[in-house]
Every structure is written in C-alpha cells, then in structure tokens.
C-alpha atoms as a PDB file:
ATOM      1  CA  MET A   1     101.132 124.262  86.181  1.00  0.00           C
ATOM      2  CA  ILE A   2      98.662 120.771  85.203  1.00  0.00           C
ATOM      3  CA  THR A   3      95.735 122.812  83.653  1.00  0.00           C
ATOM      4  CA  GLU A   4      92.147 121.350  83.385  1.00  0.00           C
ATOM      5  CA  VAL A   5      92.424 120.570  80.269  1.00  0.00           C
ATOM      6  CA  GLN A   6      95.838 118.956  80.543  1.00  0.00           C
ATOM      7  CA  ASN A   7      94.299 116.889  83.593  1.00  0.00           C
ATOM      8  CA  TYR A   8      91.493 115.681  81.175  1.00  0.00           C
ATOM      9  CA  PHE A   9      93.112 114.268  78.689  1.00  0.00           C
ATOM     10  CA  ILE A  10      95.357 112.911  81.067  1.00  0.00           C
ATOM     11  CA  HIS A  11      92.674 111.097  83.078  1.00  0.00           C
ATOM     12  CA  GLN A  12      91.363 109.628  79.953  1.00  0.00           C
ATOM     13  CA  SER A  13      94.439 108.939  78.202  1.00  0.00           C
ATOM     14  CA  GLU A  14      94.800 106.164  81.368  1.00  0.00           C
ATOM     15  CA  ILE A  15      91.205 104.831  80.811  1.00  0.00           C
ATOM     16  CA  TYR A  16      91.384 104.739  76.391  1.00  0.00           C
ATOM     17  CA  GLY A  17      94.828 104.683  75.554  1.00  0.00           C
ATOM     18  CA  LYS A  18      97.196 107.475  74.187  1.00  0.00           C
ATOM     19  CA  ASP A  19      95.502 107.683  70.997  1.00  0.00           C
ATOM     20  CA  PHE A  20      92.852 110.893  70.441  1.00  0.00           C
ATOM     21  CA  TYR A  21      91.513 112.139  67.460  1.00  0.00           C
ATOM     22  CA  LEU A  22      89.749 115.520  67.093  1.00  0.00           C
ATOM     23  CA  ASP A  23      87.321 115.379  64.206  1.00  0.00           C
ATOM     24  CA  LEU A  24      88.200 119.252  63.265  1.00  0.00           C
ATOM     25  CA  LYS A  25      84.617 119.731  61.088  1.00  0.00           C
ATOM     26  CA  LYS A  26      83.112 119.635  64.265  1.00  0.00           C
ATOM     27  CA  SER A  27      85.208 121.849  66.147  1.00  0.00           C
ATOM     28  CA  SER A  28      85.067 125.476  66.385  1.00  0.00           C
ATOM     29  CA  SER A  29      87.369 127.878  66.903  1.00  0.00           C
ATOM     30  CA  VAL A  30      85.848 128.685  70.333  1.00  0.00           C
ATOM     31  CA  VAL A  31      87.436 126.760  73.078  1.00  0.00           C
ATOM     32  CA  THR A  32      85.387 125.008  75.677  1.00  0.00           C
ATOM     33  CA  GLU A  33      85.700 123.442  78.610  1.00  0.00           C
ATOM     34  CA  PRO A  34      86.226 119.570  79.377  1.00  0.00           C
ATOM     35  CA  PRO A  35      83.540 117.788  80.719  1.00  0.00           C
ATOM     36  CA  PRO A  36      83.825 117.148  84.245  1.00  0.00           C
ATOM     37  CA  THR A  37      86.554 114.416  85.486  1.00  0.00           C
ATOM     38  CA  THR A  38      85.112 111.656  88.035  1.00  0.00           C
ATOM     39  CA  GLN A  39      84.938 113.067  91.653  1.00  0.00           C
ATOM     40  CA  THR A  40      84.202 109.830  93.523  1.00  0.00           C
ATOM     41  CA  ILE A  41      85.307 106.277  93.449  1.00  0.00           C
ATOM     42  CA  GLU A  42      81.481 105.472  92.720  1.00  0.00           C
ATOM     43  CA  GLN A  43      80.971 107.925  89.666  1.00  0.00           C
ATOM     44  CA  PHE A  44      84.382 105.756  88.339  1.00  0.00           C
ATOM     45  CA  ASN A  45      82.806 102.408  89.107  1.00  0.00           C
ATOM     46  CA  SER A  46      79.913 103.549  86.973  1.00  0.00           C
ATOM     47  CA  GLU A  47      82.054 104.700  84.038  1.00  0.00           C
ATOM     48  CA  ILE A  48      84.278 101.486  83.527  1.00  0.00           C
ATOM     49  CA  LYS A  49      81.405  98.551  84.501  1.00  0.00           C
ATOM     50  CA  ASP A  50      80.535  97.763  81.250  1.00  0.00           C
ATOM     51  CA  CYS A  51      84.240  97.683  79.923  1.00  0.00           C
ATOM     52  CA  HIS A  52      84.968  95.238  77.092  1.00  0.00           C
ATOM     53  CA  LYS A  53      88.582  96.186  76.423  1.00  0.00           C
ATOM     54  CA  CYS A  54      89.825  92.773  76.811  1.00  0.00           C
ATOM     55  CA  GLU A  55      88.286  89.208  76.087  1.00  0.00           C
ATOM     56  CA  LEU A  56      87.774  88.840  79.409  1.00  0.00           C
ATOM     57  CA  SER A  57      85.017  90.300  79.296  1.00  0.00           C
ATOM     58  CA  LYS A  58      83.821  87.974  77.438  1.00  0.00           C
ATOM     59  CA  SER A  59      83.756  84.919  79.820  1.00  0.00           C
ATOM     60  CA  ARG A  60      83.679  87.420  83.123  1.00  0.00           C
ATOM     61  CA  THR A  61      80.224  87.137  85.285  1.00  0.00           C
ATOM     62  CA  GLN A  62      80.738  90.792  86.052  1.00  0.00           C
ATOM     63  CA  LEU A  63      83.554  93.623  86.439  1.00  0.00           C
ATOM     64  CA  VAL A  64      85.224  93.301  90.027  1.00  0.00           C
ATOM     65  CA  PHE A  65      85.939  97.145  91.030  1.00  0.00           C
ATOM     66  CA  GLY A  66      86.989  97.068  94.320  1.00  0.00           C
ATOM     67  CA  SER A  67      84.961  97.468  97.727  1.00  0.00           C
ATOM     68  CA  GLY A  68      86.181  99.115 100.719  1.00  0.00           C
ATOM     69  CA  ALA A  69      86.379 103.036 102.775  1.00  0.00           C
ATOM     70  CA  SER A  70      86.883 104.913  99.762  1.00  0.00           C
ATOM     71  CA  ASP A  71      88.599 107.279 102.035  1.00  0.00           C
ATOM     72  CA  ALA A  72      91.027 104.741 102.873  1.00  0.00           C
ATOM     73  CA  LYS A  73      94.373 104.758 103.858  1.00  0.00           C
ATOM     74  CA  LEU A  74      95.193 101.889 103.604  1.00  0.00           C
ATOM     75  CA  MET A  75      94.983 100.174 100.012  1.00  0.00           C
ATOM     76  CA  CYS A  76      95.003  96.048  99.381  1.00  0.00           C
ATOM     77  CA  VAL A  77      95.912  95.734  95.989  1.00  0.00           C
ATOM     78  CA  GLY A  78      95.908  91.756  94.569  1.00  0.00           C
ATOM     79  CA  GLN A  79      96.672  90.084  90.872  1.00  0.00           C
ATOM     80  CA  ALA A  80      92.545  89.356  89.796  1.00  0.00           C
ATOM     81  CA  PRO A  81      89.502  88.245  91.218  1.00  0.00           C
ATOM     82  CA  ASP A  82      89.270  84.278  91.020  1.00  0.00           C
ATOM     83  CA  SER A  83      85.847  82.193  90.121  1.00  0.00           C
ATOM     84  CA  ASP A  84      84.124  83.026  93.486  1.00  0.00           C
ATOM     85  CA  SER A  85      84.625  86.576  93.560  1.00  0.00           C
ATOM     86  CA  ASP A  86      83.771  86.713  90.019  1.00  0.00           C
ATOM     87  CA  LYS A  87      80.517  85.527  91.101  1.00  0.00           C
ATOM     88  CA  GLN A  88      80.293  87.578  94.637  1.00  0.00           C
ATOM     89  CA  GLY A  89      81.801  90.592  93.078  1.00  0.00           C
ATOM     90  CA  ARG A  90      84.624  91.452  95.586  1.00  0.00           C
ATOM     91  CA  PRO A  91      87.818  91.576  94.813  1.00  0.00           C
ATOM     92  CA  PHE A  92      88.822  88.661  97.314  1.00  0.00           C
ATOM     93  CA  SER A  93      86.489  85.722  98.980  1.00  0.00           C
ATOM     94  CA  GLY A  94      86.650  82.725 100.610  1.00  0.00           C
ATOM     95  CA  ALA A  95      89.652  80.775 102.528  1.00  0.00           C
ATOM     96  CA  THR A  96      92.130  83.709 100.616  1.00  0.00           C
ATOM     97  CA  TRP A  97      89.468  86.318 101.912  1.00  0.00           C
ATOM     98  CA  GLU A  98      89.404  85.127 105.719  1.00  0.00           C
ATOM     99  CA  LEU A  99      93.253  84.924 106.140  1.00  0.00           C
ATOM    100  CA  LEU A 100      93.646  88.057 104.715  1.00  0.00           C
ATOM    101  CA  SER A 101      91.364  89.441 107.054  1.00  0.00           C
ATOM    102  CA  LYS A 102      92.988  87.729 110.128  1.00  0.00           C
ATOM    103  CA  ILE A 103      96.518  89.026 109.224  1.00  0.00           C
ATOM    104  CA  LEU A 104      94.956  92.971 108.900  1.00  0.00           C
ATOM    105  CA  LEU A 105      93.377  92.223 111.690  1.00  0.00           C
ATOM    106  CA  ALA A 106      96.328  91.017 113.644  1.00  0.00           C
ATOM    107  CA  ILE A 107      98.592  94.323 112.940  1.00  0.00           C
ATOM    108  CA  LYS A 108      94.808  96.255 113.882  1.00  0.00           C
ATOM    109  CA  PHE A 109      93.547  97.462 110.979  1.00  0.00           C
ATOM    110  CA  PRO A 110      89.459  97.796 110.881  1.00  0.00           C
ATOM    111  CA  ILE A 111      88.836  95.934 108.012  1.00  0.00           C
ATOM    112  CA  ASP A 112      85.888  98.834 107.208  1.00  0.00           C
ATOM    113  CA  ASP A 113      88.880 101.326 107.234  1.00  0.00           C
ATOM    114  CA  ILE A 114      90.914  99.320 104.221  1.00  0.00           C
ATOM    115  CA  TYR A 115      90.440  99.792 100.078  1.00  0.00           C
ATOM    116  CA  PHE A 116      90.181  96.451  98.443  1.00  0.00           C
ATOM    117  CA  ALA A 117      91.030  96.129  94.546  1.00  0.00           C
ATOM    118  CA  ASN A 118      92.867  93.533  92.063  1.00  0.00           C
ATOM    119  CA  VAL A 119      95.040  94.335  88.861  1.00  0.00           C
ATOM    120  CA  ILE A 120      92.948  93.215  86.826  1.00  0.00           C
ATOM    121  CA  LYS A 121      89.304  93.751  87.109  1.00  0.00           C
ATOM    122  CA  CYS A 122      87.592  90.640  85.363  1.00  0.00           C
ATOM    123  CA  HIS A 123      88.096  86.924  86.240  1.00  0.00           C
ATOM    124  CA  PRO A 124      90.611  84.937  84.312  1.00  0.00           C
ATOM    125  CA  PRO A 125      89.544  81.591  82.651  1.00  0.00           C
ATOM    126  CA  GLU A 126      90.464  78.567  85.503  1.00  0.00           C
ATOM    127  CA  ASN A 127      92.356  81.188  87.582  1.00  0.00           C
ATOM    128  CA  ARG A 128      95.211  81.504  85.257  1.00  0.00           C
ATOM    129  CA  ASP A 129      97.656  84.846  85.447  1.00  0.00           C
ATOM    130  CA  PRO A 130      96.667  87.557  83.501  1.00  0.00           C
ATOM    131  CA  GLN A 131      98.140  88.149  80.016  1.00  0.00           C
ATOM    132  CA  GLU A 132     100.350  91.144  79.478  1.00  0.00           C
ATOM    133  CA  ILE A 133      97.614  92.799  76.928  1.00  0.00           C
ATOM    134  CA  GLU A 134      95.527  92.608  80.161  1.00  0.00           C
ATOM    135  CA  ILE A 135      97.709  94.034  82.336  1.00  0.00           C
ATOM    136  CA  THR A 136      97.859  97.013  79.696  1.00  0.00           C
ATOM    137  CA  GLU A 137      94.370  97.238  79.563  1.00  0.00           C
ATOM    138  CA  CYS A 138      93.054  96.978  83.158  1.00  0.00           C
ATOM    139  CA  LEU A 139      95.940  98.848  84.581  1.00  0.00           C
ATOM    140  CA  PRO A 140      94.920 102.562  84.528  1.00  0.00           C
ATOM    141  CA  PHE A 141      92.065 101.721  85.945  1.00  0.00           C
ATOM    142  CA  LEU A 142      94.134 100.805  89.398  1.00  0.00           C
ATOM    143  CA  ASN A 143      95.901 103.718  89.283  1.00  0.00           C
ATOM    144  CA  THR A 144      92.397 106.047  89.120  1.00  0.00           C
ATOM    145  CA  GLN A 145      91.341 104.061  91.574  1.00  0.00           C
ATOM    146  CA  ILE A 146      94.536 104.966  93.573  1.00  0.00           C
ATOM    147  CA  GLU A 147      94.303 108.733  92.465  1.00  0.00           C
ATOM    148  CA  LEU A 148      90.780 108.932  94.039  1.00  0.00           C
ATOM    149  CA  ILE A 149      91.668 107.179  97.465  1.00  0.00           C
ATOM    150  CA  LYS A 150      94.749 108.894  97.914  1.00  0.00           C
ATOM    151  CA  PRO A 151      95.974 105.789 100.749  1.00  0.00           C
ATOM    152  CA  VAL A 152      99.100 106.657 102.658  1.00  0.00           C
ATOM    153  CA  VAL A 153     100.247 103.097 102.055  1.00  0.00           C
ATOM    154  CA  ILE A 154      99.757 100.408  99.823  1.00  0.00           C
ATOM    155  CA  LEU A 155      99.990  96.495 100.391  1.00  0.00           C
ATOM    156  CA  ALA A 156     100.834  94.749  96.985  1.00  0.00           C
ATOM    157  CA  LEU A 157     100.115  91.107  97.490  1.00  0.00           C
ATOM    158  CA  GLY A 158     101.828  88.883  95.223  1.00  0.00           C
ATOM    159  CA  ARG A 159     104.095  88.846  91.901  1.00  0.00           C
ATOM    160  CA  THR A 160     101.471  90.576  89.679  1.00  0.00           C
ATOM    161  CA  ALA A 161     100.398  93.339  91.774  1.00  0.00           C
ATOM    162  CA  ALA A 162     103.853  94.298  92.785  1.00  0.00           C
ATOM    163  CA  GLN A 163     105.272  93.897  89.135  1.00  0.00           C
ATOM    164  CA  SER A 164     102.660  95.828  87.869  1.00  0.00           C
ATOM    165  CA  LEU A 165     101.422  98.934  90.799  1.00  0.00           C
ATOM    166  CA  LEU A 166     106.193  99.090  90.304  1.00  0.00           C
ATOM    167  CA  GLY A 167     106.635  98.693  86.649  1.00  0.00           C
ATOM    168  CA  VAL A 168     109.621  95.837  87.165  1.00  0.00           C
ATOM    169  CA  ARG A 169     109.853  92.083  86.852  1.00  0.00           C
ATOM    170  CA  GLU A 170     111.622  91.437  90.208  1.00  0.00           C
ATOM    171  CA  SER A 171     110.646  88.630  92.116  1.00  0.00           C
ATOM    172  CA  VAL A 172     108.246  88.915  95.220  1.00  0.00           C
ATOM    173  CA  VAL A 173     111.418  87.998  97.331  1.00  0.00           C
ATOM    174  CA  SER A 174     113.340  89.999  96.049  1.00  0.00           C
ATOM    175  CA  LEU A 175     110.562  93.441  96.423  1.00  0.00           C
ATOM    176  CA  ARG A 176     109.918  92.518  99.939  1.00  0.00           C
ATOM    177  CA  GLU A 177     113.532  93.724 100.801  1.00  0.00           C
ATOM    178  CA  LYS A 178     113.885  96.749  98.851  1.00  0.00           C
ATOM    179  CA  GLU A 179     111.945  99.779  99.845  1.00  0.00           C
ATOM    180  CA  ASN A 180     109.067 100.555  96.704  1.00  0.00           C
ATOM    181  CA  TYR A 181     106.812 103.866  95.488  1.00  0.00           C
ATOM    182  CA  TYR A 182     104.136 104.252  93.841  1.00  0.00           C
ATOM    183  CA  ARG A 183     103.757 107.692  92.821  1.00  0.00           C
ATOM    184  CA  ASP A 184     105.520 108.662  96.613  1.00  0.00           C
ATOM    185  CA  ILE A 185     102.886 106.414  98.031  1.00  0.00           C
ATOM    186  CA  PRO A 186     105.130 103.329  99.902  1.00  0.00           C
ATOM    187  CA  VAL A 187     104.308 100.284  98.912  1.00  0.00           C
ATOM    188  CA  PHE A 188     104.387  97.146 100.510  1.00  0.00           C
ATOM    189  CA  VAL A 189     104.908  94.152  98.549  1.00  0.00           C
ATOM    190  CA  THR A 190     104.228  90.305  99.996  1.00  0.00           C
ATOM    191  CA  HIS A 191     102.980  87.142  99.767  1.00  0.00           C
ATOM    192  CA  HIS A 192      99.330  87.020  97.667  1.00  0.00           C
ATOM    193  CA  PRO A 193      97.222  84.880 101.001  1.00  0.00           C
ATOM    194  CA  GLY A 194      96.622  82.611  98.081  1.00  0.00           C
ATOM    195  CA  ASP A 195      99.975  81.284  97.958  1.00  0.00           C
ATOM    196  CA  LEU A 196     100.342  81.254 101.851  1.00  0.00           C
ATOM    197  CA  LEU A 197      97.219  78.785 101.908  1.00  0.00           C
ATOM    198  CA  LYS A 198      99.448  76.947  99.599  1.00  0.00           C
ATOM    199  CA  ASN A 199     102.925  77.302 101.688  1.00  0.00           C
ATOM    200  CA  SER A 200     102.517  78.217 105.128  1.00  0.00           C
ATOM    201  CA  GLU A 201     106.403  78.685 105.207  1.00  0.00           C
ATOM    202  CA  LEU A 202     105.537  81.928 103.851  1.00  0.00           C
ATOM    203  CA  LYS A 203     103.448  83.031 106.088  1.00  0.00           C
ATOM    204  CA  ARG A 204     106.526  84.176 108.619  1.00  0.00           C
ATOM    205  CA  ALA A 205     107.946  86.498 105.638  1.00  0.00           C
ATOM    206  CA  THR A 206     104.396  87.799 105.117  1.00  0.00           C
ATOM    207  CA  TRP A 207     103.897  88.495 109.073  1.00  0.00           C
ATOM    208  CA  GLU A 208     107.010  90.509 109.258  1.00  0.00           C
ATOM    209  CA  ASP A 209     105.751  92.395 105.738  1.00  0.00           C
ATOM    210  CA  VAL A 210     102.900  93.495 107.376  1.00  0.00           C
ATOM    211  CA  GLN A 211     104.248  94.483 110.637  1.00  0.00           C
ATOM    212  CA  LYS A 212     107.022  96.929 108.651  1.00  0.00           C
ATOM    213  CA  LEU A 213     104.091  98.088 107.043  1.00  0.00           C
ATOM    214  CA  ARG A 214     102.241  99.274 110.303  1.00  0.00           C
ATOM    215  CA  LYS A 215     105.308 100.369 111.445  1.00  0.00           C
ATOM    216  CA  VAL A 216     105.753 103.072 108.671  1.00  0.00           C
ATOM    217  CA  PHE A 217     101.839 103.941 108.395  1.00  0.00           C
ATOM    218  CA  ASP A 218     102.013 104.556 112.129  1.00  0.00           C
ATOM    219  CA  GLU A 219     104.354 107.606 111.343  1.00  0.00           C
ATOM    220  CA  LEU A 220     102.974 108.782 108.195  1.00  0.00           C
ATOM    221  CA  ALA A 221      99.219 108.598 109.333  1.00  0.00           C
ATOM    222  CA  ASN A 222     100.148 110.698 112.801  1.00  0.00           C
END
C-alpha cells in the first residue's frame, strides 16, 4: 500500500524532477507529516502558473493551463498553445477550436462537460513543434491534470499528444488503429483539428475515430 508520504514524493517528483535533497542539519528525529498535496485542478493551476522550467517561459504571454469541467469524463489533449491561445489563455482557439467543437458536438458531447489541455503549456515560437526537453519538463503537469480530473476516456489529438501520453514513437496513422491506454484509461488517437484544416482528406478518418470513442465511452460511463 502506498503511504501518504510516498504519494507526496511521487507528486513532487512529477512536478520538479526526481532529484531530492535533504538538509540533515535542519532535520530532526521527529518525522512530520508532508504538506498537503494538491486537492483540486484550480489549486494545481495556481501552483504551476509561474513555471520557468524551460526556455518557453521567456517568450510566452501566459502559461495556458487548461479549461473545462474539473470532473470531466472526456479529456481532449493537444500539442501546445498557438499564438492566439497564448493570448487568450485557452488550449484551443480560432478555426481549430471551432472545428474541434463541431466534431465533439456531432458525437453528442456538450463542450462544457469536457476538459481541454495540451502537453505543452507555453506557446512555442512560430508554432514550431515542441522540443524533447520541453516535453520532458511539461509532461508531468499533464499527468497530474489527468490524475485530478480522472477522465473515463482521453482523446489524443495529433502526433505529439499521442506519443507523449503513450510513451511511443509511432505515427498517428499507426496508433489510431490500436487499442491504447494511459494508466488503464482508454486513449483514442486521431488527427489534430489543425491538420484537418490543412488536409480535408483526414476528416473521414477522424470521424471514424471519434465514433469509436463515443461507443466505448457509452459502455464505460454507463
């Protein structure tokens, strides 16, 4: 059984890395309880909003944490905020958000019942792909968000989201044909709505993916 102390250090290692230093001069023989861990998604947002773990923090307008229902049963995960999201503070924006909303509404998911987040919380300059070090530093934040929200199903939008969540290097085309899981949570992989705007031929495959998600969701949520 994992104790409260172990839970505390697991949580801290996901946020700050696995190097812990104990100042023996300041420690006593009395073991005290660790500080309380994050209880809500809002508290976690406040905890990391001033993050400066990577270079992206120097050029961002703000850290784009996530948005939506804190008790959502469906969580949508994308790659990173674009320039508009960086200004608005929302994970998805503009035409990308409009298309994603239409897709989710088409399979009867009310937008207000979903939680939206990205792997990377700060806008990469010129909308470039995130670097490995940026993913490594930021992924623990997403892990904690998932832990707090406890979704029934996750929709991974695009290559970076899918590979980061699943810890693989396979393509979207390959992953969308498989059964994927993140800590026992089903993960459905499909194309990012931004890619659909560039290539409409991907829309049919995406529609097939979200219909599969809806079917599994109904089986698990009921």
